[in-house]
Amino acid sequence: ETKRKTTTLLDVLANRMVGGVTGDVLICGIPPQELRYTQVMKYLPQDDHLYGVFSIVETLQHAVLLSAVRVLSARDVENSVERLISVLGLRDQKDARPGGS
């Protein structure tokens, strides 16, 4: 139940909800589109049946490409993934397949 509520909240904040939620979304009293937070923050929903076969590096590459607001070079993707791995402290696990075998 808690996981579903968290996912719904993230979907609402990411403007991914198609229906089932009513009312206004405000962050500190301001509509999200006025904050422009989507330019600096992205949300990639977890789909275990898809991402379980990818390593952490492959999953992050996928996330970077999906969230890019422009076409990225292979080097840009690699740099972004390396930064994410470093920030998340995943250096030792980067080749692991968390949901796979």
PDB file of N, CA and C in Angstrom:
ATOM      1  N   GLU A   1       0.832  -1.198   0.000  1.00  0.00           N
ATOM      2  CA  GLU A   1       0.000   0.000   0.000  1.00  0.00           C
ATOM      3  C   GLU A   1       0.876   1.261   0.000  1.00  0.00           C
ATOM      4  N   THR A   2       1.888   1.298   0.873  1.00  0.00           N
ATOM      5  CA  THR A   2       2.760   2.467   0.946  1.00  0.00           C
ATOM      6  C   THR A   2       3.504   2.674  -0.362  1.00  0.00           C
ATOM      7  N   LYS A   3       3.985   1.585  -0.982  1.00  0.00           N
ATOM      8  CA  LYS A   3       4.695   1.692  -2.254  1.00  0.00           C
ATOM      9  C   LYS A   3       3.790   2.283  -3.327  1.00  0.00           C
ATOM     10  N   ARG A   4       2.518   1.850  -3.344  1.00  0.00           N
ATOM     11  CA  ARG A   4       1.579   2.368  -4.332  1.00  0.00           C
ATOM     12  C   ARG A   4       1.323   3.863  -4.122  1.00  0.00           C
ATOM     13  N   LYS A   5       1.202   4.286  -2.867  1.00  0.00           N
ATOM     14  CA  LYS A   5       0.979   5.709  -2.578  1.00  0.00           C
ATOM     15  C   LYS A   5       2.188   6.544  -2.989  1.00  0.00           C
ATOM     16  N   THR A   6       3.392   6.025  -2.732  1.00  0.00           N
ATOM     17  CA  THR A   6       4.609   6.736  -3.121  1.00  0.00           C
ATOM     18  C   THR A   6       4.693   6.859  -4.631  1.00  0.00           C
ATOM     19  N   THR A   7       4.385   5.776  -5.333  1.00  0.00           N
ATOM     20  CA  THR A   7       4.412   5.809  -6.796  1.00  0.00           C
ATOM     21  C   THR A   7       3.389   6.792  -7.316  1.00  0.00           C
ATOM     22  N   THR A   8       2.192   6.823  -6.740  1.00  0.00           N
ATOM     23  CA  THR A   8       1.168   7.778  -7.165  1.00  0.00           C
ATOM     24  C   THR A   8       1.646   9.200  -6.955  1.00  0.00           C
ATOM     25  N   LEU A   9       2.248   9.487  -5.813  1.00  0.00           N
ATOM     26  CA  LEU A   9       2.778  10.826  -5.554  1.00  0.00           C
ATOM     27  C   LEU A   9       3.824  11.203  -6.595  1.00  0.00           C
ATOM     28  N   LEU A  10       4.762  10.296  -6.863  1.00  0.00           N
ATOM     29  CA  LEU A  10       5.796  10.582  -7.861  1.00  0.00           C
ATOM     30  C   LEU A  10       5.190  10.774  -9.248  1.00  0.00           C
ATOM     31  N   ASP A  11       4.181   9.963  -9.583  1.00  0.00           N
ATOM     32  CA  ASP A  11       3.515  10.111 -10.882  1.00  0.00           C
ATOM     33  C   ASP A  11       2.818  11.474 -10.989  1.00  0.00           C
ATOM     34  N   VAL A  12       2.193  11.911  -9.923  1.00  0.00           N
ATOM     35  CA  VAL A  12       1.532  13.222  -9.920  1.00  0.00           C
ATOM     36  C   VAL A  12       2.571  14.332 -10.082  1.00  0.00           C
ATOM     37  N   LEU A  13       3.660  14.258  -9.324  1.00  0.00           N
ATOM     38  CA  LEU A  13       4.700  15.287  -9.414  1.00  0.00           C
ATOM     39  C   LEU A  13       5.371  15.305 -10.788  1.00  0.00           C
ATOM     40  N   ALA A  14       5.465  14.134 -11.428  1.00  0.00           N
ATOM     41  CA  ALA A  14       6.086  14.043 -12.748  1.00  0.00           C
ATOM     42  C   ALA A  14       5.076  14.305 -13.865  1.00  0.00           C
ATOM     43  N   ASN A  15       3.835  14.610 -13.483  1.00  0.00           N
ATOM     44  CA  ASN A  15       2.764  14.879 -14.446  1.00  0.00           C
ATOM     45  C   ASN A  15       2.523  13.670 -15.348  1.00  0.00           C
ATOM     46  N   ARG A  16       2.557  12.468 -14.760  1.00  0.00           N
ATOM     47  CA  ARG A  16       2.352  11.220 -15.505  1.00  0.00           C
ATOM     48  C   ARG A  16       0.978  10.618 -15.253  1.00  0.00           C
ATOM     49  N   MET A  17       0.159  11.236 -14.422  1.00  0.00           N
ATOM     50  CA  MET A  17      -1.146  10.672 -14.093  1.00  0.00           C
ATOM     51  C   MET A  17      -2.131  10.947 -15.218  1.00  0.00           C
ATOM     52  N   VAL A  18      -2.839   9.904 -15.625  1.00  0.00           N
ATOM     53  CA  VAL A  18      -3.837  10.034 -16.682  1.00  0.00           C
ATOM     54  C   VAL A  18      -5.207  10.300 -16.082  1.00  0.00           C
ATOM     55  N   GLY A  19      -5.477   9.764 -14.945  1.00  0.00           N
ATOM     56  CA  GLY A  19      -6.762   9.954 -14.281  1.00  0.00           C
ATOM     57  C   GLY A  19      -6.718   9.409 -12.875  1.00  0.00           C
ATOM     58  N   GLY A  20      -7.810   9.563 -12.168  1.00  0.00           N
ATOM     59  CA  GLY A  20      -7.912   9.004 -10.834  1.00  0.00           C
ATOM     60  C   GLY A  20      -7.447   9.913  -9.720  1.00  0.00           C
ATOM     61  N   VAL A  21      -6.921  11.066 -10.052  1.00  0.00           N
ATOM     62  CA  VAL A  21      -6.470  12.014  -9.035  1.00  0.00           C
ATOM     63  C   VAL A  21      -7.107  13.359  -9.354  1.00  0.00           C
ATOM     64  N   THR A  22      -7.674  13.979  -8.348  1.00  0.00           N
ATOM     65  CA  THR A  22      -8.300  15.284  -8.549  1.00  0.00           C
ATOM     66  C   THR A  22      -7.679  16.296  -7.604  1.00  0.00           C
ATOM     67  N   GLY A  23      -7.843  17.542  -7.932  1.00  0.00           N
ATOM     68  CA  GLY A  23      -7.339  18.604  -7.075  1.00  0.00           C
ATOM     69  C   GLY A  23      -6.142  19.306  -7.683  1.00  0.00           C
ATOM     70  N   ASP A  24      -5.599  20.246  -6.936  1.00  0.00           N
ATOM     71  CA  ASP A  24      -4.458  21.024  -7.393  1.00  0.00           C
ATOM     72  C   ASP A  24      -3.175  20.482  -6.787  1.00  0.00           C
ATOM     73  N   VAL A  25      -2.114  20.515  -7.561  1.00  0.00           N
ATOM     74  CA  VAL A  25      -0.789  20.131  -7.069  1.00  0.00           C
ATOM     75  C   VAL A  25      -0.013  21.415  -6.845  1.00  0.00           C
ATOM     76  N   LEU A  26       0.437  21.618  -5.620  1.00  0.00           N
ATOM     77  CA  LEU A  26       1.223  22.797  -5.273  1.00  0.00           C
ATOM     78  C   LEU A  26       2.447  22.354  -4.489  1.00  0.00           C
ATOM     79  N   ILE A  27       3.556  22.965  -4.761  1.00  0.00           N
ATOM     80  CA  ILE A  27       4.783  22.710  -4.008  1.00  0.00           C
ATOM     81  C   ILE A  27       5.142  24.032  -3.338  1.00  0.00           C
ATOM     82  N   CYS A  28       5.038  24.035  -2.016  1.00  0.00           N
ATOM     83  CA  CYS A  28       5.232  25.273  -1.245  1.00  0.00           C
ATOM     84  C   CYS A  28       4.297  26.375  -1.766  1.00  0.00           C
ATOM     85  N   GLY A  29       3.084  25.978  -2.131  1.00  0.00           N
ATOM     86  CA  GLY A  29       2.081  26.930  -2.583  1.00  0.00           C
ATOM     87  C   GLY A  29       2.202  27.360  -4.038  1.00  0.00           C
ATOM     88  N   ILE A  30       3.122  26.757  -4.783  1.00  0.00           N
ATOM     89  CA  ILE A  30       3.376  27.157  -6.175  1.00  0.00           C
ATOM     90  C   ILE A  30       3.093  25.972  -7.100  1.00  0.00           C
ATOM     91  N   PRO A  31       2.375  26.200  -8.207  1.00  0.00           N
ATOM     92  CA  PRO A  31       2.152  25.109  -9.166  1.00  0.00           C
ATOM     93  C   PRO A  31       3.487  24.612  -9.720  1.00  0.00           C
ATOM     94  N   PRO A  32       3.648  23.293  -9.886  1.00  0.00           N
ATOM     95  CA  PRO A  32       4.924  22.718 -10.334  1.00  0.00           C
ATOM     96  C   PRO A  32       5.445  23.308 -11.641  1.00  0.00           C
ATOM     97  N   GLN A  33       4.556  23.583 -12.601  1.00  0.00           N
ATOM     98  CA  GLN A  33       5.026  24.114 -13.880  1.00  0.00           C
ATOM     99  C   GLN A  33       5.701  25.481 -13.740  1.00  0.00           C
ATOM    100  N   GLU A  34       5.370  26.226 -12.693  1.00  0.00           N
ATOM    101  CA  GLU A  34       6.023  27.515 -12.460  1.00  0.00           C
ATOM    102  C   GLU A  34       7.410  27.347 -11.837  1.00  0.00           C
ATOM    103  N   LEU A  35       7.647  26.223 -11.178  1.00  0.00           N
ATOM    104  CA  LEU A  35       8.935  25.982 -10.532  1.00  0.00           C
ATOM    105  C   LEU A  35       9.992  25.496 -11.509  1.00  0.00           C
ATOM    106  N   ARG A  36       9.551  24.906 -12.597  1.00  0.00           N
ATOM    107  CA  ARG A  36      10.457  24.377 -13.614  1.00  0.00           C
ATOM    108  C   ARG A  36      11.419  23.330 -13.037  1.00  0.00           C
ATOM    109  N   TYR A  37      10.969  22.617 -12.023  1.00  0.00           N
ATOM    110  CA  TYR A  37      11.825  21.619 -11.395  1.00  0.00           C
ATOM    111  C   TYR A  37      12.103  20.435 -12.307  1.00  0.00           C
ATOM    112  N   THR A  38      11.262  20.218 -13.303  1.00  0.00           N
ATOM    113  CA  THR A  38      11.491  19.077 -14.192  1.00  0.00           C
ATOM    114  C   THR A  38      12.737  19.267 -15.054  1.00  0.00           C
ATOM    115  N   GLN A  39      13.270  20.463 -15.086  1.00  0.00           N
ATOM    116  CA  GLN A  39      14.506  20.690 -15.834  1.00  0.00           C
ATOM    117  C   GLN A  39      15.735  20.199 -15.077  1.00  0.00           C
ATOM    118  N   VAL A  40      15.602  20.019 -13.775  1.00  0.00           N
ATOM    119  CA  VAL A  40      16.747  19.568 -12.969  1.00  0.00           C
ATOM    120  C   VAL A  40      16.492  18.248 -12.258  1.00  0.00           C
ATOM    121  N   MET A  41      15.275  17.721 -12.354  1.00  0.00           N
ATOM    122  CA  MET A  41      14.939  16.494 -11.654  1.00  0.00           C
ATOM    123  C   MET A  41      14.119  15.605 -12.578  1.00  0.00           C
ATOM    124  N   LYS A  42      14.430  14.316 -12.592  1.00  0.00           N
ATOM    125  CA  LYS A  42      13.706  13.355 -13.420  1.00  0.00           C
ATOM    126  C   LYS A  42      13.244  12.193 -12.570  1.00  0.00           C
ATOM    127  N   TYR A  43      12.219  11.519 -13.036  1.00  0.00           N
ATOM    128  CA  TYR A  43      11.675  10.345 -12.353  1.00  0.00           C
ATOM    129  C   TYR A  43      11.504   9.250 -13.389  1.00  0.00           C
ATOM    130  N   LEU A  44      12.148   8.129 -13.153  1.00  0.00           N
ATOM    131  CA  LEU A  44      12.016   6.976 -14.017  1.00  0.00           C
ATOM    132  C   LEU A  44      11.387   5.862 -13.196  1.00  0.00           C
ATOM    133  N   PRO A  45      10.137   5.503 -13.502  1.00  0.00           N
ATOM    134  CA  PRO A  45       9.473   4.482 -12.692  1.00  0.00           C
ATOM    135  C   PRO A  45      10.194   3.142 -12.775  1.00  0.00           C
ATOM    136  N   GLN A  46      10.098   2.390 -11.700  1.00  0.00           N
ATOM    137  CA  GLN A  46      10.747   1.085 -11.644  1.00  0.00           C
ATOM    138  C   GLN A  46       9.820   0.036 -12.246  1.00  0.00           C
ATOM    139  N   ASP A  47      10.297  -0.662 -13.243  1.00  0.00           N
ATOM    140  CA  ASP A  47       9.579  -1.775 -13.854  1.00  0.00           C
ATOM    141  C   ASP A  47      10.479  -2.994 -13.742  1.00  0.00           C
ATOM    142  N   ASP A  48      10.314  -3.755 -12.660  1.00  0.00           N
ATOM    143  CA  ASP A  48      11.206  -4.874 -12.392  1.00  0.00           C
ATOM    144  C   ASP A  48      11.291  -5.862 -13.548  1.00  0.00           C
ATOM    145  N   HIS A  49      10.197  -6.059 -14.256  1.00  0.00           N
ATOM    146  CA  HIS A  49      10.212  -7.033 -15.333  1.00  0.00           C
ATOM    147  C   HIS A  49      11.093  -6.594 -16.499  1.00  0.00           C
ATOM    148  N   LEU A  50      11.365  -5.316 -16.616  1.00  0.00           N
ATOM    149  CA  LEU A  50      12.232  -4.813 -17.682  1.00  0.00           C
ATOM    150  C   LEU A  50      13.651  -4.588 -17.171  1.00  0.00           C
ATOM    151  N   TYR A  51      13.801  -3.856 -16.100  1.00  0.00           N
ATOM    152  CA  TYR A  51      15.115  -3.449 -15.647  1.00  0.00           C
ATOM    153  C   TYR A  51      15.886  -4.545 -14.922  1.00  0.00           C
ATOM    154  N   GLY A  52      15.235  -5.615 -14.546  1.00  0.00           N
ATOM    155  CA  GLY A  52      15.913  -6.705 -13.864  1.00  0.00           C
ATOM    156  C   GLY A  52      16.954  -7.396 -14.716  1.00  0.00           C
ATOM    157  N   VAL A  53      16.834  -7.274 -16.030  1.00  0.00           N
ATOM    158  CA  VAL A  53      17.802  -7.929 -16.908  1.00  0.00           C
ATOM    159  C   VAL A  53      18.993  -7.031 -17.214  1.00  0.00           C
ATOM    160  N   PHE A  54      18.908  -5.773 -16.852  1.00  0.00           N
ATOM    161  CA  PHE A  54      19.980  -4.822 -17.115  1.00  0.00           C
ATOM    162  C   PHE A  54      20.901  -4.697 -15.906  1.00  0.00           C
ATOM    163  N   SER A  55      22.176  -4.425 -16.172  1.00  0.00           N
ATOM    164  CA  SER A  55      23.089  -4.099 -15.077  1.00  0.00           C
ATOM    165  C   SER A  55      22.753  -2.682 -14.600  1.00  0.00           C
ATOM    166  N   ILE A  56      23.350  -2.289 -13.505  1.00  0.00           N
ATOM    167  CA  ILE A  56      23.119  -0.930 -12.995  1.00  0.00           C
ATOM    168  C   ILE A  56      23.575   0.092 -14.033  1.00  0.00           C
ATOM    169  N   VAL A  57      24.718  -0.142 -14.667  1.00  0.00           N
ATOM    170  CA  VAL A  57      25.214   0.780 -15.689  1.00  0.00           C
ATOM    171  C   VAL A  57      24.217   0.876 -16.849  1.00  0.00           C
ATOM    172  N   GLU A  58      23.730  -0.260 -17.308  1.00  0.00           N
ATOM    173  CA  GLU A  58      22.784  -0.258 -18.428  1.00  0.00           C
ATOM    174  C   GLU A  58      21.479   0.439 -18.059  1.00  0.00           C
ATOM    175  N   THR A  59      21.018   0.229 -16.825  1.00  0.00           N
ATOM    176  CA  THR A  59      19.801   0.893 -16.359  1.00  0.00           C
ATOM    177  C   THR A  59      19.993   2.403 -16.315  1.00  0.00           C
ATOM    178  N   LEU A  60      21.141   2.847 -15.812  1.00  0.00           N
ATOM    179  CA  LEU A  60      21.405   4.285 -15.752  1.00  0.00           C
ATOM    180  C   LEU A  60      21.570   4.886 -17.143  1.00  0.00           C
ATOM    181  N   GLN A  61      22.176   4.152 -18.067  1.00  0.00           N
ATOM    182  CA  GLN A  61      22.278   4.637 -19.446  1.00  0.00           C
ATOM    183  C   GLN A  61      20.888   4.834 -20.033  1.00  0.00           C
ATOM    184  N   HIS A  62      20.029   3.881 -19.806  1.00  0.00           N
ATOM    185  CA  HIS A  62      18.644   3.942 -20.277  1.00  0.00           C
ATOM    186  C   HIS A  62      17.942   5.164 -19.676  1.00  0.00           C
ATOM    187  N   ALA A  63      18.105   5.364 -18.375  1.00  0.00           N
ATOM    188  CA  ALA A  63      17.472   6.492 -17.688  1.00  0.00           C
ATOM    189  C   ALA A  63      17.983   7.828 -18.221  1.00  0.00           C
ATOM    190  N   VAL A  64      19.284   7.924 -18.431  1.00  0.00           N
ATOM    191  CA  VAL A  64      19.875   9.171 -18.950  1.00  0.00           C
ATOM    192  C   VAL A  64      19.318   9.480 -20.332  1.00  0.00           C
ATOM    193  N   LEU A  65      19.261   8.480 -21.186  1.00  0.00           N
ATOM    194  CA  LEU A  65      18.753   8.697 -22.546  1.00  0.00           C
ATOM    195  C   LEU A  65      17.272   9.061 -22.548  1.00  0.00           C
ATOM    196  N   LEU A  66      16.483   8.425 -21.681  1.00  0.00           N
ATOM    197  CA  LEU A  66      15.054   8.730 -21.630  1.00  0.00           C
ATOM    198  C   LEU A  66      14.762  10.107 -21.060  1.00  0.00           C
ATOM    199  N   SER A  67      15.598  10.577 -20.164  1.00  0.00           N
ATOM    200  CA  SER A  67      15.324  11.851 -19.503  1.00  0.00           C
ATOM    201  C   SER A  67      16.017  13.039 -20.175  1.00  0.00           C
ATOM    202  N   ALA A  68      16.803  12.783 -21.191  1.00  0.00           N
ATOM    203  CA  ALA A  68      17.536  13.872 -21.858  1.00  0.00           C
ATOM    204  C   ALA A  68      16.576  14.809 -22.576  1.00  0.00           C
ATOM    205  N   VAL A  69      16.850  16.087 -22.482  1.00  0.00           N
ATOM    206  CA  VAL A  69      16.030  17.085 -23.176  1.00  0.00           C
ATOM    207  C   VAL A  69      16.621  17.427 -24.547  1.00  0.00           C
ATOM    208  N   ARG A  70      17.757  16.811 -24.855  1.00  0.00           N
ATOM    209  CA  ARG A  70      18.395  17.004 -26.156  1.00  0.00           C
ATOM    210  C   ARG A  70      19.128  15.711 -26.509  1.00  0.00           C
ATOM    211  N   VAL A  71      19.570  15.609 -27.731  1.00  0.00           N
ATOM    212  CA  VAL A  71      20.328  14.431 -28.153  1.00  0.00           C
ATOM    213  C   VAL A  71      21.701  14.477 -27.483  1.00  0.00           C
ATOM    214  N   LEU A  72      22.087  13.370 -26.880  1.00  0.00           N
ATOM    215  CA  LEU A  72      23.368  13.300 -26.187  1.00  0.00           C
ATOM    216  C   LEU A  72      24.356  12.441 -26.964  1.00  0.00           C
ATOM    217  N   SER A  73      25.606  12.837 -26.912  1.00  0.00           N
ATOM    218  CA  SER A  73      26.653  12.009 -27.501  1.00  0.00           C
ATOM    219  C   SER A  73      26.906  10.829 -26.573  1.00  0.00           C
ATOM    220  N   ALA A  74      27.552   9.800 -27.092  1.00  0.00           N
ATOM    221  CA  ALA A  74      27.898   8.639 -26.269  1.00  0.00           C
ATOM    222  C   ALA A  74      28.754   9.075 -25.086  1.00  0.00           C
ATOM    223  N   ARG A  75      29.642  10.036 -25.313  1.00  0.00           N
ATOM    224  CA  ARG A  75      30.517  10.540 -24.239  1.00  0.00           C
ATOM    225  C   ARG A  75      29.696  11.244 -23.157  1.00  0.00           C
ATOM    226  N   ASP A  76      28.697  12.040 -23.563  1.00  0.00           N
ATOM    227  CA  ASP A  76      27.830  12.717 -22.591  1.00  0.00           C
ATOM    228  C   ASP A  76      27.075  11.709 -21.730  1.00  0.00           C
ATOM    229  N   VAL A  77      26.566  10.654 -22.373  1.00  0.00           N
ATOM    230  CA  VAL A  77      25.852   9.609 -21.635  1.00  0.00           C
ATOM    231  C   VAL A  77      26.803   8.938 -20.656  1.00  0.00           C
ATOM    232  N   GLU A  78      27.991   8.594 -21.121  1.00  0.00           N
ATOM    233  CA  GLU A  78      28.984   7.950 -20.258  1.00  0.00           C
ATOM    234  C   GLU A  78      29.340   8.832 -19.066  1.00  0.00           C
ATOM    235  N   ASN A  79      29.546  10.118 -19.306  1.00  0.00           N
ATOM    236  CA  ASN A  79      29.877  11.050 -18.219  1.00  0.00           C
ATOM    237  C   ASN A  79      28.733  11.149 -17.215  1.00  0.00           C
ATOM    238  N   SER A  80      27.501  11.224 -17.709  1.00  0.00           N
ATOM    239  CA  SER A  80      26.338  11.304 -16.822  1.00  0.00           C
ATOM    240  C   SER A  80      26.216  10.055 -15.970  1.00  0.00           C
ATOM    241  N   VAL A  81      26.396   8.894 -16.595  1.00  0.00           N
ATOM    242  CA  VAL A  81      26.311   7.628 -15.866  1.00  0.00           C
ATOM    243  C   VAL A  81      27.415   7.543 -14.816  1.00  0.00           C
ATOM    244  N   GLU A  82      28.619   7.929 -15.162  1.00  0.00           N
ATOM    245  CA  GLU A  82      29.728   7.901 -14.196  1.00  0.00           C
ATOM    246  C   GLU A  82      29.442   8.810 -13.006  1.00  0.00           C
ATOM    247  N   ARG A  83      28.890   9.998 -13.267  1.00  0.00           N
ATOM    248  CA  ARG A  83      28.537  10.913 -12.171  1.00  0.00           C
ATOM    249  C   ARG A  83      27.478  10.285 -11.274  1.00  0.00           C
ATOM    250  N   LEU A  84      26.447   9.683 -11.885  1.00  0.00           N
ATOM    251  CA  LEU A  84      25.390   9.048 -11.100  1.00  0.00           C
ATOM    252  C   LEU A  84      25.927   7.905 -10.254  1.00  0.00           C
ATOM    253  N   ILE A  85      26.753   7.071 -10.831  1.00  0.00           N
ATOM    254  CA  ILE A  85      27.343   5.949 -10.095  1.00  0.00           C
ATOM    255  C   ILE A  85      28.143   6.458  -8.905  1.00  0.00           C
ATOM    256  N   SER A  86      28.885   7.524  -9.111  1.00  0.00           N
ATOM    257  CA  SER A  86      29.687   8.101  -8.035  1.00  0.00           C
ATOM    258  C   SER A  86      28.795   8.685  -6.938  1.00  0.00           C
ATOM    259  N   VAL A  87      27.808   9.477  -7.331  1.00  0.00           N
ATOM    260  CA  VAL A  87      26.915  10.124  -6.359  1.00  0.00           C
ATOM    261  C   VAL A  87      26.133   9.079  -5.563  1.00  0.00           C
ATOM    262  N   LEU A  88      25.697   8.021  -6.240  1.00  0.00           N
ATOM    263  CA  LEU A  88      24.898   6.989  -5.586  1.00  0.00           C
ATOM    264  C   LEU A  88      25.744   5.957  -4.836  1.00  0.00           C
ATOM    265  N   GLY A  89      27.065   6.059  -4.963  1.00  0.00           N
ATOM    266  CA  GLY A  89      27.949   5.123  -4.273  1.00  0.00           C
ATOM    267  C   GLY A  89      27.834   3.697  -4.790  1.00  0.00           C
ATOM    268  N   LEU A  90      27.688   3.558  -6.101  1.00  0.00           N
ATOM    269  CA  LEU A  90      27.473   2.235  -6.694  1.00  0.00           C
ATOM    270  C   LEU A  90      28.678   1.699  -7.463  1.00  0.00           C
ATOM    271  N   ARG A  91      29.842   2.263  -7.246  1.00  0.00           N
ATOM    272  CA  ARG A  91      31.029   1.857  -8.002  1.00  0.00           C
ATOM    273  C   ARG A  91      31.259   0.339  -7.950  1.00  0.00           C
ATOM    274  N   ASP A  92      31.160  -0.242  -6.769  1.00  0.00           N
ATOM    275  CA  ASP A  92      31.426  -1.685  -6.623  1.00  0.00           C
ATOM    276  C   ASP A  92      30.308  -2.561  -7.173  1.00  0.00           C
ATOM    277  N   GLN A  93      29.115  -2.006  -7.349  1.00  0.00           N
ATOM    278  CA  GLN A  93      27.974  -2.786  -7.821  1.00  0.00           C
ATOM    279  C   GLN A  93      27.569  -2.448  -9.254  1.00  0.00           C
ATOM    280  N   LYS A  94      28.323  -1.635  -9.951  1.00  0.00           N
ATOM    281  CA  LYS A  94      27.858  -1.094 -11.238  1.00  0.00           C
ATOM    282  C   LYS A  94      27.554  -2.160 -12.284  1.00  0.00           C
ATOM    283  N   ASP A  95      28.154  -3.327 -12.202  1.00  0.00           N
ATOM    284  CA  ASP A  95      27.899  -4.379 -13.180  1.00  0.00           C
ATOM    285  C   ASP A  95      26.879  -5.414 -12.684  1.00  0.00           C
ATOM    286  N   ALA A  96      26.372  -5.210 -11.476  1.00  0.00           N
ATOM    287  CA  ALA A  96      25.388  -6.141 -10.910  1.00  0.00           C
ATOM    288  C   ALA A  96      24.061  -6.015 -11.647  1.00  0.00           C
ATOM    289  N   ARG A  97      23.308  -7.091 -11.634  1.00  0.00           N
ATOM    290  CA  ARG A  97      21.957  -7.125 -12.196  1.00  0.00           C
ATOM    291  C   ARG A  97      20.991  -7.370 -11.029  1.00  0.00           C
ATOM    292  N   PRO A  98      20.537  -6.295 -10.380  1.00  0.00           N
ATOM    293  CA  PRO A  98      19.773  -6.409  -9.148  1.00  0.00           C
ATOM    294  C   PRO A  98      18.525  -7.274  -9.237  1.00  0.00           C
ATOM    295  N   GLY A  99      17.819  -7.246 -10.346  1.00  0.00           N
ATOM    296  CA  GLY A  99      16.584  -8.009 -10.443  1.00  0.00           C
ATOM    297  C   GLY A  99      16.713  -9.262 -11.263  1.00  0.00           C
ATOM    298  N   GLY A 100      17.881  -9.495 -11.818  1.00  0.00           N
ATOM    299  CA  GLY A 100      18.060 -10.639 -12.701  1.00  0.00           C
ATOM    300  C   GLY A 100      18.884 -11.727 -12.061  1.00  0.00           C
ATOM    301  N   SER A 101      19.287 -12.658 -12.893  1.00  0.00           N
ATOM    302  CA  SER A 101      20.091 -13.763 -12.368  1.00  0.00           C
ATOM    303  C   SER A 101      21.553 -13.542 -12.651  1.00  0.00           C
TER     304      SER A 101
END
